[in-house]
Amino acid sequence: MPLSLFKDLSRPRLVDIVLLLKRHPGLSVTEMSGALRMSYMGVKQHCVYLEKNHYLSTWLRPKTSSGGRSRKGGRPEKMYQLTDKILPLFPNVACDLVIDLLNSADELGKPGLAEEMLASHYQQRHLRYKAQLKGRTLLEKAQSLARIRQAEGCVSTCEFDAQNGLCIIEYHSPIARLCEKFPSVIDLEAKMFGDLLNCAVVRDEKRENNVTRYEFRLKARPAPAS
């Protein structure tokens, strides 16, 4: 992480705002103050500072009523979103060196060597996660895995809703570039989740403005027939 970024974001509440906006394509000061339980003016001052230093960009959204309809004559709300300047705050393990080495593997070794190396990596990663994983039920294990991934910088949470059921949701993928070059990584990661949690996993990506949401929908496997 550049030292200038560390210095600029050294105040904890600034990081809270950044992490909140990492999960949303845009929020107003009112929405952020409610979500963070901070005063309106406190959030406003932090946002002005972040915008001045080019970590946030803004646009105007028509004022809406509680029902979501535009209100005539109401002043537009100023909306905030993260800019690319904030990206060094979030880890990216798929650096050029890693990708170049994998690209060279097939040329220097046998065909398919890069895929074998990736599969071996995820086997080792599975073992590391398994040693850290806690809980007995699917929910407890999913919450534990989300905490592990959060510590790795994936901006991860474990959520449940009636439509999708139990999900691990992440708002940052340190391996996004690797997935672009080697799409098999997507299936390897989903399989690792399923093996760790002993459940079926469906992975999905949703993009809105500058926010990408990675969903790992979890479904318990049926018990074996007696």
C-alpha atoms as a PDB file:
ATOM      1  CA  MET A   1       0.000   0.000   0.000  1.00  0.00           C
ATOM      2  CA  PRO A   2       1.450   3.433  -0.885  1.00  0.00           C
ATOM      3  CA  LEU A   3       2.492   5.390   2.200  1.00  0.00           C
ATOM      4  CA  SER A   4       0.453   8.382   1.021  1.00  0.00           C
ATOM      5  CA  LEU A   5      -2.718   6.264   1.088  1.00  0.00           C
ATOM      6  CA  PHE A   6      -1.903   4.985   4.572  1.00  0.00           C
ATOM      7  CA  LYS A   7      -1.390   8.562   5.769  1.00  0.00           C
ATOM      8  CA  ASP A   8      -4.568   9.861   4.134  1.00  0.00           C
ATOM      9  CA  LEU A   9      -6.755   7.114   5.647  1.00  0.00           C
ATOM     10  CA  SER A  10      -5.131   6.871   9.075  1.00  0.00           C
ATOM     11  CA  ARG A  11      -8.341   7.919  10.836  1.00  0.00           C
ATOM     12  CA  PRO A  12     -10.534   4.841  11.597  1.00  0.00           C
ATOM     13  CA  ARG A  13     -13.842   6.459  10.634  1.00  0.00           C
ATOM     14  CA  LEU A  14     -12.476   7.231   7.172  1.00  0.00           C
ATOM     15  CA  VAL A  15     -11.866   3.522   6.652  1.00  0.00           C
ATOM     16  CA  ASP A  16     -15.409   2.774   7.864  1.00  0.00           C
ATOM     17  CA  ILE A  17     -16.783   5.069   5.154  1.00  0.00           C
ATOM     18  CA  VAL A  18     -14.554   3.508   2.496  1.00  0.00           C
ATOM     19  CA  LEU A  19     -15.618  -0.033   3.449  1.00  0.00           C
ATOM     20  CA  LEU A  20     -19.283   0.979   3.435  1.00  0.00           C
ATOM     21  CA  LEU A  21     -18.993   2.523  -0.037  1.00  0.00           C
ATOM     22  CA  LYS A  22     -17.108  -0.561  -1.240  1.00  0.00           C
ATOM     23  CA  ARG A  23     -20.401  -2.423  -0.731  1.00  0.00           C
ATOM     24  CA  HIS A  24     -22.634   0.141  -2.460  1.00  0.00           C
ATOM     25  CA  PRO A  25     -22.644   1.811  -5.898  1.00  0.00           C
ATOM     26  CA  GLY A  26     -23.388   5.163  -4.258  1.00  0.00           C
ATOM     27  CA  LEU A  27     -24.689   6.584  -0.986  1.00  0.00           C
ATOM     28  CA  SER A  28     -25.720   9.979   0.356  1.00  0.00           C
ATOM     29  CA  VAL A  29     -24.378  11.447   3.595  1.00  0.00           C
ATOM     30  CA  THR A  30     -27.756  10.749   5.228  1.00  0.00           C
ATOM     31  CA  GLU A  31     -27.609   7.077   4.235  1.00  0.00           C
ATOM     32  CA  MET A  32     -24.022   6.729   5.434  1.00  0.00           C
ATOM     33  CA  SER A  33     -24.683   8.428   8.761  1.00  0.00           C
ATOM     34  CA  GLY A  34     -27.576   6.038   9.417  1.00  0.00           C
ATOM     35  CA  ALA A  35     -25.589   2.930   8.444  1.00  0.00           C
ATOM     36  CA  LEU A  36     -22.524   3.942  10.477  1.00  0.00           C
ATOM     37  CA  ARG A  37     -24.423   5.541  13.378  1.00  0.00           C
ATOM     38  CA  MET A  38     -22.431   8.723  12.968  1.00  0.00           C
ATOM     39  CA  SER A  39     -23.596  12.299  12.963  1.00  0.00           C
ATOM     40  CA  TYR A  40     -24.521  13.855   9.640  1.00  0.00           C
ATOM     41  CA  MET A  41     -21.861  16.545   9.986  1.00  0.00           C
ATOM     42  CA  GLY A  42     -19.218  14.003  11.003  1.00  0.00           C
ATOM     43  CA  VAL A  43     -19.819  11.943   7.854  1.00  0.00           C
ATOM     44  CA  LYS A  44     -20.057  15.099   5.736  1.00  0.00           C
ATOM     45  CA  GLN A  45     -16.671  16.357   6.916  1.00  0.00           C
ATOM     46  CA  HIS A  46     -15.032  13.009   6.192  1.00  0.00           C
ATOM     47  CA  CYS A  47     -16.606  12.845   2.721  1.00  0.00           C
ATOM     48  CA  VAL A  48     -15.452  16.370   1.888  1.00  0.00           C
ATOM     49  CA  TYR A  49     -11.921  15.384   2.923  1.00  0.00           C
ATOM     50  CA  LEU A  50     -11.992  12.164   0.860  1.00  0.00           C
ATOM     51  CA  GLU A  51     -13.416  13.963  -2.170  1.00  0.00           C
ATOM     52  CA  LYS A  52     -10.803  16.705  -1.905  1.00  0.00           C
ATOM     53  CA  ASN A  53      -8.104  14.030  -1.962  1.00  0.00           C
ATOM     54  CA  HIS A  54      -9.761  12.310  -4.952  1.00  0.00           C
ATOM     55  CA  TYR A  55     -10.791   9.114  -3.144  1.00  0.00           C
ATOM     56  CA  LEU A  56     -14.481   9.871  -3.766  1.00  0.00           C
ATOM     57  CA  SER A  57     -16.411  11.155  -6.760  1.00  0.00           C
ATOM     58  CA  THR A  58     -19.948  12.560  -6.667  1.00  0.00           C
ATOM     59  CA  TRP A  59     -23.116  12.958  -8.668  1.00  0.00           C
ATOM     60  CA  LEU A  60     -26.608  14.284  -7.967  1.00  0.00           C
ATOM     61  CA  ARG A  61     -29.622  12.010  -7.424  1.00  0.00           C
ATOM     62  CA  PRO A  62     -33.167  13.401  -7.519  1.00  0.00           C
ATOM     63  CA  LYS A  63     -34.656  13.591  -4.042  1.00  0.00           C
ATOM     64  CA  THR A  64     -37.050  10.701  -3.441  1.00  0.00           C
ATOM     65  CA  SER A  65     -39.936  10.096  -1.085  1.00  0.00           C
ATOM     66  CA  SER A  66     -40.158   7.121   1.249  1.00  0.00           C
ATOM     67  CA  GLY A  67     -41.877   5.199  -1.537  1.00  0.00           C
ATOM     68  CA  GLY A  68     -38.939   5.705  -3.874  1.00  0.00           C
ATOM     69  CA  ARG A  69     -40.629   8.218  -6.189  1.00  0.00           C
ATOM     70  CA  SER A  70     -38.975  11.476  -7.207  1.00  0.00           C
ATOM     71  CA  ARG A  71     -40.206  14.493  -5.265  1.00  0.00           C
ATOM     72  CA  LYS A  72     -40.909  17.574  -7.340  1.00  0.00           C
ATOM     73  CA  GLY A  73     -39.111  20.648  -6.101  1.00  0.00           C
ATOM     74  CA  GLY A  74     -36.869  18.752  -3.702  1.00  0.00           C
ATOM     75  CA  ARG A  75     -33.158  19.477  -3.791  1.00  0.00           C
ATOM     76  CA  PRO A  76     -31.121  16.670  -5.390  1.00  0.00           C
ATOM     77  CA  GLU A  77     -29.008  14.587  -3.029  1.00  0.00           C
ATOM     78  CA  LYS A  78     -25.251  14.490  -3.443  1.00  0.00           C
ATOM     79  CA  MET A  79     -24.160  10.882  -3.890  1.00  0.00           C
ATOM     80  CA  TYR A  80     -20.681   9.550  -3.185  1.00  0.00           C
ATOM     81  CA  GLN A  81     -18.786   6.622  -4.671  1.00  0.00           C
ATOM     82  CA  LEU A  82     -15.184   5.383  -4.540  1.00  0.00           C
ATOM     83  CA  THR A  83     -12.660   6.257  -7.218  1.00  0.00           C
ATOM     84  CA  ASP A  84      -9.849   4.096  -8.576  1.00  0.00           C
ATOM     85  CA  LYS A  85      -7.377   5.944  -6.355  1.00  0.00           C
ATOM     86  CA  ILE A  86      -8.616   3.799  -3.443  1.00  0.00           C
ATOM     87  CA  LEU A  87      -7.755   0.492  -5.173  1.00  0.00           C
ATOM     88  CA  PRO A  88      -4.314   0.021  -3.535  1.00  0.00           C
ATOM     89  CA  LEU A  89      -6.136  -0.315  -0.204  1.00  0.00           C
ATOM     90  CA  PHE A  90      -7.523  -3.673  -1.356  1.00  0.00           C
ATOM     91  CA  PRO A  91      -5.119  -6.568  -2.007  1.00  0.00           C
ATOM     92  CA  ASN A  92      -4.558  -8.005  -5.461  1.00  0.00           C
ATOM     93  CA  VAL A  93      -2.606 -11.258  -5.348  1.00  0.00           C
ATOM     94  CA  ALA A  94      -2.863 -11.827  -9.105  1.00  0.00           C
ATOM     95  CA  CYS A  95       0.086  -9.603  -9.961  1.00  0.00           C
ATOM     96  CA  ASP A  96       1.775  -9.562 -13.350  1.00  0.00           C
ATOM     97  CA  LEU A  97       4.520 -11.876 -12.074  1.00  0.00           C
ATOM     98  CA  VAL A  98       2.039 -14.600 -11.055  1.00  0.00           C
ATOM     99  CA  ILE A  99       0.160 -14.393 -14.334  1.00  0.00           C
ATOM    100  CA  ASP A 100       3.375 -14.394 -16.383  1.00  0.00           C
ATOM    101  CA  LEU A 101       4.663 -17.461 -14.527  1.00  0.00           C
ATOM    102  CA  LEU A 102       1.429 -19.347 -15.153  1.00  0.00           C
ATOM    103  CA  ASN A 103       1.415 -18.313 -18.805  1.00  0.00           C
ATOM    104  CA  SER A 104       4.991 -19.577 -19.107  1.00  0.00           C
ATOM    105  CA  ALA A 105       4.247 -22.884 -17.379  1.00  0.00           C
ATOM    106  CA  ASP A 106       2.677 -24.502 -20.429  1.00  0.00           C
ATOM    107  CA  GLU A 107       5.516 -23.282 -22.640  1.00  0.00           C
ATOM    108  CA  LEU A 108       8.274 -24.513 -20.338  1.00  0.00           C
ATOM    109  CA  GLY A 109       6.607 -27.710 -19.176  1.00  0.00           C
ATOM    110  CA  LYS A 110       3.881 -30.006 -20.348  1.00  0.00           C
ATOM    111  CA  PRO A 111       0.490 -28.759 -21.616  1.00  0.00           C
ATOM    112  CA  GLY A 112      -1.931 -28.208 -18.752  1.00  0.00           C
ATOM    113  CA  LEU A 113       0.821 -27.537 -16.220  1.00  0.00           C
ATOM    114  CA  ALA A 114      -0.643 -24.134 -15.272  1.00  0.00           C
ATOM    115  CA  GLU A 115      -4.017 -25.718 -14.485  1.00  0.00           C
ATOM    116  CA  GLU A 116      -2.300 -28.389 -12.369  1.00  0.00           C
ATOM    117  CA  MET A 117      -0.430 -25.694 -10.460  1.00  0.00           C
ATOM    118  CA  LEU A 118      -3.661 -23.819  -9.775  1.00  0.00           C
ATOM    119  CA  ALA A 119      -5.425 -27.005  -8.634  1.00  0.00           C
ATOM    120  CA  SER A 120      -2.524 -27.772  -6.291  1.00  0.00           C
ATOM    121  CA  HIS A 121      -2.662 -24.241  -4.900  1.00  0.00           C
ATOM    122  CA  TYR A 122      -6.352 -24.606  -4.046  1.00  0.00           C
ATOM    123  CA  GLN A 123      -5.740 -27.951  -2.390  1.00  0.00           C
ATOM    124  CA  GLN A 124      -3.170 -26.291  -0.137  1.00  0.00           C
ATOM    125  CA  ARG A 125      -5.458 -23.337   0.474  1.00  0.00           C
ATOM    126  CA  HIS A 126      -8.270 -25.726   1.422  1.00  0.00           C
ATOM    127  CA  LEU A 127      -6.021 -27.235   4.105  1.00  0.00           C
ATOM    128  CA  ARG A 128      -5.119 -23.799   5.499  1.00  0.00           C
ATOM    129  CA  TYR A 129      -8.756 -22.739   5.654  1.00  0.00           C
ATOM    130  CA  LYS A 130      -9.818 -26.045   7.187  1.00  0.00           C
ATOM    131  CA  ALA A 131      -7.343 -25.554  10.038  1.00  0.00           C
ATOM    132  CA  GLN A 132      -8.903 -22.147  10.819  1.00  0.00           C
ATOM    133  CA  LEU A 133     -12.569 -22.990  10.239  1.00  0.00           C
ATOM    134  CA  LYS A 134     -14.858 -23.117  13.274  1.00  0.00           C
ATOM    135  CA  GLY A 135     -18.435 -24.202  13.881  1.00  0.00           C
ATOM    136  CA  ARG A 136     -20.580 -27.302  13.540  1.00  0.00           C
ATOM    137  CA  THR A 137     -23.585 -26.206  11.492  1.00  0.00           C
ATOM    138  CA  LEU A 138     -23.496 -24.880   7.930  1.00  0.00           C
ATOM    139  CA  LEU A 139     -24.395 -21.390   9.197  1.00  0.00           C
ATOM    140  CA  GLU A 140     -21.619 -21.385  11.808  1.00  0.00           C
ATOM    141  CA  LYS A 141     -19.038 -22.619   9.320  1.00  0.00           C
ATOM    142  CA  ALA A 142     -20.152 -20.111   6.683  1.00  0.00           C
ATOM    143  CA  GLN A 143     -19.868 -17.265   9.193  1.00  0.00           C
ATOM    144  CA  SER A 144     -16.398 -18.489  10.155  1.00  0.00           C
ATOM    145  CA  LEU A 145     -15.270 -18.716   6.529  1.00  0.00           C
ATOM    146  CA  ALA A 146     -16.593 -15.204   5.861  1.00  0.00           C
ATOM    147  CA  ARG A 147     -14.516 -13.910   8.782  1.00  0.00           C
ATOM    148  CA  ILE A 148     -11.406 -15.638   7.416  1.00  0.00           C
ATOM    149  CA  ARG A 149     -11.990 -14.136   3.984  1.00  0.00           C
ATOM    150  CA  GLN A 150     -12.688 -10.715   5.502  1.00  0.00           C
ATOM    151  CA  ALA A 151      -9.291 -10.837   7.206  1.00  0.00           C
ATOM    152  CA  GLU A 152      -7.750 -11.505   3.782  1.00  0.00           C
ATOM    153  CA  GLY A 153      -9.306  -8.318   2.395  1.00  0.00           C
ATOM    154  CA  CYS A 154     -12.282  -9.782   0.509  1.00  0.00           C
ATOM    155  CA  VAL A 155     -14.817  -7.449   2.219  1.00  0.00           C
ATOM    156  CA  SER A 156     -16.815 -10.558   3.039  1.00  0.00           C
ATOM    157  CA  THR A 157     -20.073 -11.105   4.938  1.00  0.00           C
ATOM    158  CA  CYS A 158     -22.393 -14.026   5.601  1.00  0.00           C
ATOM    159  CA  GLU A 159     -26.046 -13.206   4.927  1.00  0.00           C
ATOM    160  CA  PHE A 160     -29.411 -14.911   4.677  1.00  0.00           C
ATOM    161  CA  ASP A 161     -32.500 -13.807   2.778  1.00  0.00           C
ATOM    162  CA  ALA A 162     -35.663 -15.494   1.558  1.00  0.00           C
ATOM    163  CA  GLN A 163     -34.731 -15.244  -2.126  1.00  0.00           C
ATOM    164  CA  ASN A 164     -31.142 -16.528  -2.126  1.00  0.00           C
ATOM    165  CA  GLY A 165     -30.988 -18.392   1.176  1.00  0.00           C
ATOM    166  CA  LEU A 166     -27.619 -18.564   2.916  1.00  0.00           C
ATOM    167  CA  CYS A 167     -24.843 -16.689   1.087  1.00  0.00           C
ATOM    168  CA  ILE A 168     -21.273 -15.600   1.549  1.00  0.00           C
ATOM    169  CA  ILE A 169     -21.077 -12.234  -0.194  1.00  0.00           C
ATOM    170  CA  GLU A 170     -17.805 -10.532  -1.091  1.00  0.00           C
ATOM    171  CA  TYR A 171     -17.207  -7.094  -2.547  1.00  0.00           C
ATOM    172  CA  HIS A 172     -13.555  -7.523  -3.468  1.00  0.00           C
ATOM    173  CA  SER A 173     -11.768 -10.346  -5.244  1.00  0.00           C
ATOM    174  CA  PRO A 174      -7.973 -10.349  -4.860  1.00  0.00           C
ATOM    175  CA  ILE A 175      -7.855 -12.845  -7.748  1.00  0.00           C
ATOM    176  CA  ALA A 176     -10.116 -11.003 -10.203  1.00  0.00           C
ATOM    177  CA  ARG A 177      -7.334 -10.604 -12.777  1.00  0.00           C
ATOM    178  CA  LEU A 178      -6.369 -14.241 -12.368  1.00  0.00           C
ATOM    179  CA  CYS A 179      -9.969 -15.295 -13.053  1.00  0.00           C
ATOM    180  CA  GLU A 180      -9.916 -13.285 -16.280  1.00  0.00           C
ATOM    181  CA  LYS A 181      -6.798 -15.071 -17.517  1.00  0.00           C
ATOM    182  CA  PHE A 182      -7.648 -18.517 -16.092  1.00  0.00           C
ATOM    183  CA  PRO A 183     -11.450 -18.938 -15.807  1.00  0.00           C
ATOM    184  CA  SER A 184     -11.016 -22.382 -14.211  1.00  0.00           C
ATOM    185  CA  VAL A 185     -10.058 -20.538 -10.998  1.00  0.00           C
ATOM    186  CA  ILE A 186     -13.725 -19.564 -10.569  1.00  0.00           C
ATOM    187  CA  ASP A 187     -14.775 -23.214 -10.352  1.00  0.00           C
ATOM    188  CA  LEU A 188     -11.787 -24.133  -8.185  1.00  0.00           C
ATOM    189  CA  GLU A 189     -12.708 -21.470  -5.626  1.00  0.00           C
ATOM    190  CA  ALA A 190     -16.394 -22.459  -5.587  1.00  0.00           C
ATOM    191  CA  LYS A 191     -15.432 -26.133  -5.191  1.00  0.00           C
ATOM    192  CA  MET A 192     -13.135 -25.226  -2.288  1.00  0.00           C
ATOM    193  CA  PHE A 193     -16.040 -23.437  -0.577  1.00  0.00           C
ATOM    194  CA  GLY A 194     -18.269 -26.471  -1.096  1.00  0.00           C
ATOM    195  CA  ASP A 195     -15.683 -28.947   0.216  1.00  0.00           C
ATOM    196  CA  LEU A 196     -14.989 -26.827   3.293  1.00  0.00           C
ATOM    197  CA  LEU A 197     -18.659 -26.318   4.143  1.00  0.00           C
ATOM    198  CA  ASN A 198     -19.908 -29.684   2.853  1.00  0.00           C
ATOM    199  CA  CYS A 199     -22.585 -28.012   0.756  1.00  0.00           C
ATOM    200  CA  ALA A 200     -23.497 -27.179  -2.818  1.00  0.00           C
ATOM    201  CA  VAL A 201     -22.193 -23.776  -3.986  1.00  0.00           C
ATOM    202  CA  VAL A 202     -23.390 -21.537  -6.809  1.00  0.00           C
ATOM    203  CA  ARG A 203     -21.124 -18.573  -7.534  1.00  0.00           C
ATOM    204  CA  ASP A 204     -22.439 -15.455  -9.243  1.00  0.00           C
ATOM    205  CA  GLU A 205     -21.118 -11.967 -10.029  1.00  0.00           C
ATOM    206  CA  LYS A 206     -23.251  -8.841 -10.127  1.00  0.00           C
ATOM    207  CA  ARG A 207     -21.952  -5.441 -11.225  1.00  0.00           C
ATOM    208  CA  GLU A 208     -23.552  -2.067 -10.615  1.00  0.00           C
ATOM    209  CA  ASN A 209     -21.639   1.089 -11.454  1.00  0.00           C
ATOM    210  CA  ASN A 210     -18.240   0.666  -9.809  1.00  0.00           C
ATOM    211  CA  VAL A 211     -19.250  -2.124  -7.390  1.00  0.00           C
ATOM    212  CA  THR A 212     -18.849  -5.849  -8.049  1.00  0.00           C
ATOM    213  CA  ARG A 213     -20.718  -8.239  -5.779  1.00  0.00           C
ATOM    214  CA  TYR A 214     -19.532 -11.859  -5.622  1.00  0.00           C
ATOM    215  CA  GLU A 215     -22.204 -14.219  -4.299  1.00  0.00           C
ATOM    216  CA  PHE A 216     -21.529 -17.746  -3.087  1.00  0.00           C
ATOM    217  CA  ARG A 217     -25.003 -19.221  -2.571  1.00  0.00           C
ATOM    218  CA  LEU A 218     -24.858 -22.172  -0.178  1.00  0.00           C
ATOM    219  CA  LYS A 219     -27.272 -25.085  -0.057  1.00  0.00           C
ATOM    220  CA  ALA A 220     -26.966 -28.020   2.308  1.00  0.00           C
ATOM    221  CA  ARG A 221     -26.439 -31.348   0.582  1.00  0.00           C
ATOM    222  CA  PRO A 222     -29.164 -33.938   1.154  1.00  0.00           C
ATOM    223  CA  ALA A 223     -28.352 -36.539   3.759  1.00  0.00           C
ATOM    224  CA  PRO A 224     -27.335 -39.912   2.269  1.00  0.00           C
ATOM    225  CA  ALA A 225     -30.092 -42.490   2.112  1.00  0.00           C
ATOM    226  CA  SER A 226     -29.957 -45.024   4.909  1.00  0.00           C
END
